[in-house]
Amino acid sequence: MNLEEVLKELESWWFSETDRFRALVASLVASLPGGEELADFLGMGEGWIGWKEAELLGKLLLAMKDASDVERVAKAILSDFEGK
């Protein structure tokens, strides 16, 4: 799927999604290099996600297929916090 296809799909669903989902998407996009105008509009300041972080997040989201995958990732994140 290319960017134009994703934008069309996002546009078709945008207003039926929750405010929280739209805020999450907007915040993520604003946090990327090139999202400065959106970040300014949202009052977010400087971005905090680089391209490598975005790539890792995308891979993670695509790799998770069900609740057990989410639980596994959540446990890994929690163990990282508990270990520090």
C-alpha atoms as a PDB file:
ATOM      1  CA  MET A   1       0.000   0.000   0.000  1.00  0.00           C
ATOM      2  CA  ASN A   2       1.447   3.377  -0.943  1.00  0.00           C
ATOM      3  CA  LEU A   3       1.037   6.694   0.851  1.00  0.00           C
ATOM      4  CA  GLU A   4      -1.821   7.881  -1.389  1.00  0.00           C
ATOM      5  CA  GLU A   5      -3.809   4.710  -0.678  1.00  0.00           C
ATOM      6  CA  VAL A   6      -3.203   5.004   3.065  1.00  0.00           C
ATOM      7  CA  LEU A   7      -4.221   8.678   3.053  1.00  0.00           C
ATOM      8  CA  LYS A   8      -7.440   7.841   1.197  1.00  0.00           C
ATOM      9  CA  GLU A   9      -8.284   5.109   3.696  1.00  0.00           C
ATOM     10  CA  LEU A  10      -7.421   7.339   6.638  1.00  0.00           C
ATOM     11  CA  GLU A  11      -9.537  10.149   5.194  1.00  0.00           C
ATOM     12  CA  SER A  12     -12.526   7.849   4.709  1.00  0.00           C
ATOM     13  CA  TRP A  13     -12.386   6.713   8.365  1.00  0.00           C
ATOM     14  CA  TRP A  14     -11.079   9.869  10.034  1.00  0.00           C
ATOM     15  CA  PHE A  15     -14.322  11.366  11.356  1.00  0.00           C
ATOM     16  CA  SER A  16     -15.762   8.031  12.440  1.00  0.00           C
ATOM     17  CA  GLU A  17     -12.714   7.409  14.639  1.00  0.00           C
ATOM     18  CA  THR A  18     -12.503   8.535  18.254  1.00  0.00           C
ATOM     19  CA  ASP A  19     -10.949  11.833  19.266  1.00  0.00           C
ATOM     20  CA  ARG A  20      -8.256   9.849  21.104  1.00  0.00           C
ATOM     21  CA  PHE A  21      -7.291   7.933  17.962  1.00  0.00           C
ATOM     22  CA  ARG A  22      -7.175  11.103  15.875  1.00  0.00           C
ATOM     23  CA  ALA A  23      -5.064  12.812  18.557  1.00  0.00           C
ATOM     24  CA  LEU A  24      -2.682   9.836  18.637  1.00  0.00           C
ATOM     25  CA  VAL A  25      -2.218   9.874  14.857  1.00  0.00           C
ATOM     26  CA  ALA A  26      -1.797  13.649  14.781  1.00  0.00           C
ATOM     27  CA  SER A  27       0.740  13.548  17.622  1.00  0.00           C
ATOM     28  CA  LEU A  28       2.764  10.803  15.974  1.00  0.00           C
ATOM     29  CA  VAL A  29       2.839  12.581  12.624  1.00  0.00           C
ATOM     30  CA  ALA A  30       3.673  15.905  14.287  1.00  0.00           C
ATOM     31  CA  SER A  31       6.543  14.220  16.130  1.00  0.00           C
ATOM     32  CA  LEU A  32       8.274  13.136  12.927  1.00  0.00           C
ATOM     33  CA  PRO A  33      10.812  15.177  10.983  1.00  0.00           C
ATOM     34  CA  GLY A  34       8.718  17.338   8.654  1.00  0.00           C
ATOM     35  CA  GLY A  35       5.780  17.539  11.082  1.00  0.00           C
ATOM     36  CA  GLU A  36       6.841  20.845  12.582  1.00  0.00           C
ATOM     37  CA  GLU A  37       3.864  22.832  11.273  1.00  0.00           C
ATOM     38  CA  LEU A  38       1.422  20.323  12.754  1.00  0.00           C
ATOM     39  CA  ALA A  39       3.426  20.200  16.003  1.00  0.00           C
ATOM     40  CA  ASP A  40       3.237  23.995  16.256  1.00  0.00           C
ATOM     41  CA  PHE A  41      -0.514  23.906  15.637  1.00  0.00           C
ATOM     42  CA  LEU A  42      -0.927  21.257  18.344  1.00  0.00           C
ATOM     43  CA  GLY A  43       1.371  23.142  20.723  1.00  0.00           C
ATOM     44  CA  MET A  44       3.726  20.189  21.006  1.00  0.00           C
ATOM     45  CA  GLY A  45       7.131  21.766  20.578  1.00  0.00           C
ATOM     46  CA  GLU A  46       9.928  19.813  18.935  1.00  0.00           C
ATOM     47  CA  GLY A  47       9.476  16.327  17.521  1.00  0.00           C
ATOM     48  CA  TRP A  48      10.550  13.314  19.502  1.00  0.00           C
ATOM     49  CA  ILE A  49      10.437  10.494  16.942  1.00  0.00           C
ATOM     50  CA  GLY A  50      13.068   9.997  14.281  1.00  0.00           C
ATOM     51  CA  TRP A  51      12.773   7.825  11.194  1.00  0.00           C
ATOM     52  CA  LYS A  52      14.366   4.779  12.860  1.00  0.00           C
ATOM     53  CA  GLU A  53      11.923   4.988  15.776  1.00  0.00           C
ATOM     54  CA  ALA A  54       9.016   5.337  13.341  1.00  0.00           C
ATOM     55  CA  GLU A  55      10.259   2.306  11.407  1.00  0.00           C
ATOM     56  CA  LEU A  56      10.518   0.237  14.608  1.00  0.00           C
ATOM     57  CA  LEU A  57       7.031   1.303  15.694  1.00  0.00           C
ATOM     58  CA  GLY A  58       5.593   0.416  12.291  1.00  0.00           C
ATOM     59  CA  LYS A  59       7.261  -3.000  12.338  1.00  0.00           C
ATOM     60  CA  LEU A  60       6.023  -3.640  15.867  1.00  0.00           C
ATOM     61  CA  LEU A  61       2.428  -2.702  15.037  1.00  0.00           C
ATOM     62  CA  LEU A  62       2.448  -4.861  11.895  1.00  0.00           C
ATOM     63  CA  ALA A  63       3.993  -7.829  13.727  1.00  0.00           C
ATOM     64  CA  MET A  64       1.311  -7.936  16.428  1.00  0.00           C
ATOM     65  CA  LYS A  65      -1.617 -10.021  15.224  1.00  0.00           C
ATOM     66  CA  ASP A  66      -3.687 -10.674  18.351  1.00  0.00           C
ATOM     67  CA  ALA A  67      -4.062  -9.977  22.062  1.00  0.00           C
ATOM     68  CA  SER A  68      -1.427 -12.537  23.017  1.00  0.00           C
ATOM     69  CA  ASP A  69       1.121 -10.653  20.907  1.00  0.00           C
ATOM     70  CA  VAL A  70       0.171  -7.402  22.638  1.00  0.00           C
ATOM     71  CA  GLU A  71       0.511  -9.089  26.034  1.00  0.00           C
ATOM     72  CA  ARG A  72       3.962 -10.362  25.070  1.00  0.00           C
ATOM     73  CA  VAL A  73       5.107  -6.882  24.008  1.00  0.00           C
ATOM     74  CA  ALA A  74       3.587  -5.327  27.135  1.00  0.00           C
ATOM     75  CA  LYS A  75       5.462  -7.833  29.328  1.00  0.00           C
ATOM     76  CA  ALA A  76       8.713  -7.045  27.532  1.00  0.00           C
ATOM     77  CA  ILE A  77       8.186  -3.317  28.098  1.00  0.00           C
ATOM     78  CA  LEU A  78       7.233  -3.844  31.742  1.00  0.00           C
ATOM     79  CA  SER A  79      10.260  -6.053  32.362  1.00  0.00           C
ATOM     80  CA  ASP A  80      12.463  -3.302  30.947  1.00  0.00           C
ATOM     81  CA  PHE A  81      11.021  -0.807  33.459  1.00  0.00           C
ATOM     82  CA  GLU A  82      11.233  -3.291  36.327  1.00  0.00           C
ATOM     83  CA  GLY A  83      14.826  -4.096  35.478  1.00  0.00           C
ATOM     84  CA  LYS A  84      15.955  -0.467  35.807  1.00  0.00           C
END
